[in-house]
Amino acid sequence: MVTDPYEIILHPYVTEKSMSKIEKENALEFIVKRTANKNEIKKAIEKMFNVKVKKVNTRITKYGKHAVVTLIPEYKAEDIGMRIGIF
């Protein structure tokens, strides 16, 4: 079990589609460690950004494992985006 969230979350994934997810779905997209499960990803995001995660969806592409992390409405994905330099 990895406890360092920076070993699980590799970097944000930014495209026009992921930017619209921030606005419409309150969700952020990250490239994550291929062996990480949804629960580990959820815990890592909550620890890194001090937020609560509603759900995590994952998929594997040629760029690696993507995680779409939806936050609960009390937290804004835009605020996290500002903190990590997406905007």
N, C-alpha and C. Protein backbone atom coordinates (compact mmCIF):
# COMPACT_ATOMS: atom_id res chain seq x y z
N MET A 1 0.85 -1.20 0.00
CA MET A 1 0.00 0.00 0.00
C MET A 1 0.88 1.24 0.00
N VAL A 2 0.71 2.07 -1.02
CA VAL A 2 1.47 3.31 -1.14
C VAL A 2 0.75 4.41 -0.37
N THR A 3 1.48 5.11 0.50
CA THR A 3 0.85 6.18 1.27
C THR A 3 1.14 7.56 0.70
N ASP A 4 2.17 7.69 -0.14
CA ASP A 4 2.50 8.99 -0.72
C ASP A 4 1.61 9.26 -1.94
N PRO A 5 0.73 10.26 -1.86
CA PRO A 5 -0.19 10.52 -2.98
C PRO A 5 0.54 10.91 -4.26
N TYR A 6 1.76 11.46 -4.14
CA TYR A 6 2.50 11.89 -5.33
C TYR A 6 3.06 10.70 -6.12
N GLU A 7 3.05 9.51 -5.53
CA GLU A 7 3.45 8.30 -6.27
C GLU A 7 2.27 7.76 -7.06
N ILE A 8 1.05 8.10 -6.67
CA ILE A 8 -0.16 7.61 -7.34
C ILE A 8 -0.59 8.58 -8.44
N ILE A 9 -0.69 9.87 -8.10
CA ILE A 9 -1.11 10.90 -9.05
C ILE A 9 0.13 11.43 -9.75
N LEU A 10 0.27 11.14 -11.04
CA LEU A 10 1.48 11.55 -11.75
C LEU A 10 1.42 12.99 -12.21
N HIS A 11 0.35 13.37 -12.92
CA HIS A 11 0.18 14.77 -13.34
C HIS A 11 -1.23 14.99 -13.88
N PRO A 12 -1.67 16.27 -13.92
CA PRO A 12 -2.99 16.55 -14.49
C PRO A 12 -2.97 16.33 -16.00
N TYR A 13 -4.12 15.98 -16.54
CA TYR A 13 -4.27 15.79 -17.98
C TYR A 13 -5.19 16.90 -18.47
N VAL A 14 -4.64 17.79 -19.31
CA VAL A 14 -5.38 18.98 -19.71
C VAL A 14 -5.64 18.97 -21.22
N THR A 15 -6.92 18.93 -21.59
CA THR A 15 -7.35 19.07 -22.98
C THR A 15 -8.59 19.97 -22.96
N GLU A 16 -9.10 20.30 -24.12
CA GLU A 16 -10.34 21.10 -24.16
C GLU A 16 -11.47 20.33 -23.49
N LYS A 17 -11.51 19.02 -23.72
CA LYS A 17 -12.57 18.21 -23.12
C LYS A 17 -12.45 18.18 -21.60
N SER A 18 -11.23 18.03 -21.10
CA SER A 18 -11.06 18.01 -19.64
C SER A 18 -11.37 19.37 -19.03
N MET A 19 -11.10 20.45 -19.78
CA MET A 19 -11.43 21.80 -19.29
C MET A 19 -12.95 21.96 -19.18
N SER A 20 -13.70 21.41 -20.14
CA SER A 20 -15.16 21.52 -20.07
C SER A 20 -15.72 20.66 -18.93
N LYS A 21 -15.03 19.56 -18.60
CA LYS A 21 -15.46 18.74 -17.46
C LYS A 21 -15.33 19.52 -16.15
N ILE A 22 -14.30 20.37 -16.07
CA ILE A 22 -14.11 21.18 -14.86
C ILE A 22 -15.33 22.08 -14.67
N GLU A 23 -15.78 22.72 -15.75
CA GLU A 23 -16.90 23.65 -15.66
C GLU A 23 -18.25 22.93 -15.51
N LYS A 24 -18.47 21.90 -16.32
CA LYS A 24 -19.80 21.27 -16.37
C LYS A 24 -20.03 20.20 -15.31
N GLU A 25 -18.98 19.41 -14.99
CA GLU A 25 -19.17 18.26 -14.10
C GLU A 25 -18.42 18.37 -12.77
N ASN A 26 -17.71 19.49 -12.55
CA ASN A 26 -16.91 19.66 -11.34
C ASN A 26 -15.92 18.50 -11.20
N ALA A 27 -15.26 18.16 -12.33
CA ALA A 27 -14.35 17.01 -12.36
C ALA A 27 -13.00 17.40 -12.94
N LEU A 28 -11.96 16.76 -12.44
CA LEU A 28 -10.60 16.96 -12.93
C LEU A 28 -10.09 15.64 -13.50
N GLU A 29 -9.15 15.73 -14.44
CA GLU A 29 -8.60 14.52 -15.03
C GLU A 29 -7.10 14.46 -14.77
N PHE A 30 -6.63 13.28 -14.37
CA PHE A 30 -5.22 13.07 -14.05
C PHE A 30 -4.71 11.82 -14.73
N ILE A 31 -3.40 11.81 -14.99
CA ILE A 31 -2.72 10.57 -15.36
C ILE A 31 -2.22 9.98 -14.04
N VAL A 32 -2.55 8.72 -13.81
CA VAL A 32 -2.22 8.08 -12.53
C VAL A 32 -1.38 6.83 -12.76
N LYS A 33 -0.81 6.33 -11.68
CA LYS A 33 -0.03 5.10 -11.72
C LYS A 33 -0.92 3.97 -12.22
N ARG A 34 -0.41 3.19 -13.14
CA ARG A 34 -1.22 2.16 -13.80
C ARG A 34 -1.78 1.12 -12.82
N THR A 35 -1.07 0.86 -11.73
CA THR A 35 -1.51 -0.17 -10.78
C THR A 35 -2.45 0.37 -9.70
N ALA A 36 -2.67 1.68 -9.69
CA ALA A 36 -3.52 2.29 -8.65
C ALA A 36 -4.99 1.95 -8.89
N ASN A 37 -5.71 1.62 -7.81
CA ASN A 37 -7.15 1.38 -7.94
C ASN A 37 -7.91 2.66 -7.60
N LYS A 38 -9.23 2.63 -7.83
CA LYS A 38 -10.05 3.82 -7.64
C LYS A 38 -10.00 4.34 -6.20
N ASN A 39 -9.98 3.44 -5.24
CA ASN A 39 -9.94 3.84 -3.84
C ASN A 39 -8.63 4.54 -3.50
N GLU A 40 -7.51 4.02 -4.01
CA GLU A 40 -6.21 4.66 -3.78
C GLU A 40 -6.16 6.05 -4.43
N ILE A 41 -6.73 6.16 -5.63
CA ILE A 41 -6.76 7.45 -6.33
C ILE A 41 -7.59 8.45 -5.54
N LYS A 42 -8.75 8.02 -5.06
CA LYS A 42 -9.63 8.88 -4.27
C LYS A 42 -8.90 9.39 -3.02
N LYS A 43 -8.27 8.49 -2.29
CA LYS A 43 -7.55 8.88 -1.06
C LYS A 43 -6.40 9.84 -1.37
N ALA A 44 -5.69 9.58 -2.47
CA ALA A 44 -4.56 10.43 -2.84
C ALA A 44 -5.01 11.85 -3.17
N ILE A 45 -6.09 11.98 -3.94
CA ILE A 45 -6.62 13.31 -4.30
C ILE A 45 -7.11 14.04 -3.05
N GLU A 46 -7.83 13.32 -2.18
CA GLU A 46 -8.34 13.95 -0.96
C GLU A 46 -7.18 14.43 -0.08
N LYS A 47 -6.10 13.66 -0.02
CA LYS A 47 -4.95 14.04 0.80
C LYS A 47 -4.18 15.20 0.17
N MET A 48 -3.97 15.16 -1.15
CA MET A 48 -3.18 16.19 -1.84
C MET A 48 -3.85 17.56 -1.81
N PHE A 49 -5.18 17.58 -2.04
CA PHE A 49 -5.87 18.86 -2.22
C PHE A 49 -6.82 19.22 -1.09
N ASN A 50 -6.94 18.35 -0.08
CA ASN A 50 -7.81 18.60 1.07
C ASN A 50 -9.26 18.84 0.63
N VAL A 51 -9.77 17.91 -0.21
CA VAL A 51 -11.14 17.98 -0.72
C VAL A 51 -11.82 16.63 -0.50
N LYS A 52 -13.12 16.55 -0.80
CA LYS A 52 -13.85 15.28 -0.75
C LYS A 52 -14.21 14.88 -2.17
N VAL A 53 -13.96 13.63 -2.50
CA VAL A 53 -14.21 13.11 -3.84
C VAL A 53 -15.55 12.38 -3.87
N LYS A 54 -16.36 12.70 -4.88
CA LYS A 54 -17.66 12.03 -5.06
C LYS A 54 -17.47 10.69 -5.75
N LYS A 55 -16.73 10.69 -6.88
CA LYS A 55 -16.48 9.42 -7.57
C LYS A 55 -15.23 9.52 -8.43
N VAL A 56 -14.72 8.34 -8.79
CA VAL A 56 -13.54 8.24 -9.65
C VAL A 56 -13.85 7.27 -10.78
N ASN A 57 -13.62 7.71 -12.01
CA ASN A 57 -13.73 6.82 -13.17
C ASN A 57 -12.34 6.69 -13.78
N THR A 58 -11.97 5.48 -14.19
CA THR A 58 -10.66 5.28 -14.78
C THR A 58 -10.78 4.62 -16.15
N ARG A 59 -9.76 4.88 -16.96
CA ARG A 59 -9.65 4.19 -18.25
C ARG A 59 -8.17 4.16 -18.63
N ILE A 60 -7.80 3.17 -19.41
CA ILE A 60 -6.42 3.05 -19.83
C ILE A 60 -6.34 3.39 -21.32
N THR A 61 -5.43 4.32 -21.65
CA THR A 61 -5.23 4.74 -23.04
C THR A 61 -3.75 4.57 -23.37
N LYS A 62 -3.40 4.97 -24.59
CA LYS A 62 -1.98 4.87 -24.97
C LYS A 62 -1.10 5.84 -24.18
N TYR A 63 -1.70 6.83 -23.54
CA TYR A 63 -0.94 7.79 -22.74
C TYR A 63 -0.78 7.35 -21.30
N GLY A 64 -1.44 6.26 -20.90
CA GLY A 64 -1.37 5.78 -19.53
C GLY A 64 -2.77 5.66 -18.95
N LYS A 65 -2.84 5.51 -17.65
CA LYS A 65 -4.13 5.36 -16.96
C LYS A 65 -4.68 6.74 -16.61
N HIS A 66 -5.89 7.03 -17.09
CA HIS A 66 -6.55 8.30 -16.81
C HIS A 66 -7.54 8.09 -15.67
N ALA A 67 -7.62 9.08 -14.79
CA ALA A 67 -8.63 9.07 -13.75
C ALA A 67 -9.41 10.37 -13.84
N VAL A 68 -10.73 10.25 -13.99
CA VAL A 68 -11.61 11.42 -13.95
C VAL A 68 -12.18 11.47 -12.54
N VAL A 69 -11.81 12.50 -11.81
CA VAL A 69 -12.17 12.62 -10.39
C VAL A 69 -13.25 13.69 -10.25
N THR A 70 -14.44 13.27 -9.82
CA THR A 70 -15.55 14.21 -9.60
C THR A 70 -15.59 14.58 -8.12
N LEU A 71 -15.62 15.88 -7.86
CA LEU A 71 -15.66 16.37 -6.48
C LEU A 71 -17.10 16.57 -6.02
N ILE A 72 -17.31 16.53 -4.69
CA ILE A 72 -18.64 16.83 -4.17
C ILE A 72 -18.90 18.33 -4.37
N PRO A 73 -20.16 18.75 -4.44
CA PRO A 73 -20.48 20.15 -4.79
C PRO A 73 -19.89 21.21 -3.86
N GLU A 74 -19.55 20.85 -2.63
CA GLU A 74 -18.98 21.85 -1.70
C GLU A 74 -17.60 22.31 -2.14
N TYR A 75 -16.94 21.53 -2.98
CA TYR A 75 -15.60 21.89 -3.46
C TYR A 75 -15.68 22.16 -4.96
N LYS A 76 -14.87 23.11 -5.42
CA LYS A 76 -14.90 23.50 -6.83
C LYS A 76 -13.63 22.99 -7.54
N ALA A 77 -13.84 22.27 -8.64
CA ALA A 77 -12.71 21.77 -9.43
C ALA A 77 -11.88 22.94 -9.97
N GLU A 78 -12.55 24.07 -10.25
CA GLU A 78 -11.85 25.25 -10.74
C GLU A 78 -10.80 25.73 -9.75
N ASP A 79 -11.12 25.68 -8.45
CA ASP A 79 -10.17 26.12 -7.42
C ASP A 79 -8.93 25.22 -7.42
N ILE A 80 -9.13 23.92 -7.57
CA ILE A 80 -8.01 22.99 -7.63
C ILE A 80 -7.19 23.26 -8.89
N GLY A 81 -7.89 23.49 -10.00
CA GLY A 81 -7.22 23.82 -11.26
C GLY A 81 -6.32 25.05 -11.14
N MET A 82 -6.80 26.05 -10.43
CA MET A 82 -6.01 27.26 -10.20
C MET A 82 -4.77 26.93 -9.39
N ARG A 83 -4.93 26.10 -8.34
CA ARG A 83 -3.81 25.77 -7.46
C ARG A 83 -2.72 24.97 -8.17
N ILE A 84 -3.12 24.11 -9.12
CA ILE A 84 -2.10 23.29 -9.80
C ILE A 84 -1.66 23.90 -11.13
N GLY A 85 -2.19 25.07 -11.47
CA GLY A 85 -1.70 25.81 -12.63
C GLY A 85 -2.30 25.42 -13.96
N ILE A 86 -3.51 24.89 -13.98
CA ILE A 86 -4.16 24.56 -15.24
C ILE A 86 -4.60 25.83 -15.96
N PHE A 87 -5.05 26.81 -15.19
CA PHE A 87 -5.55 28.06 -15.80
C PHE A 87 -4.44 29.09 -15.91
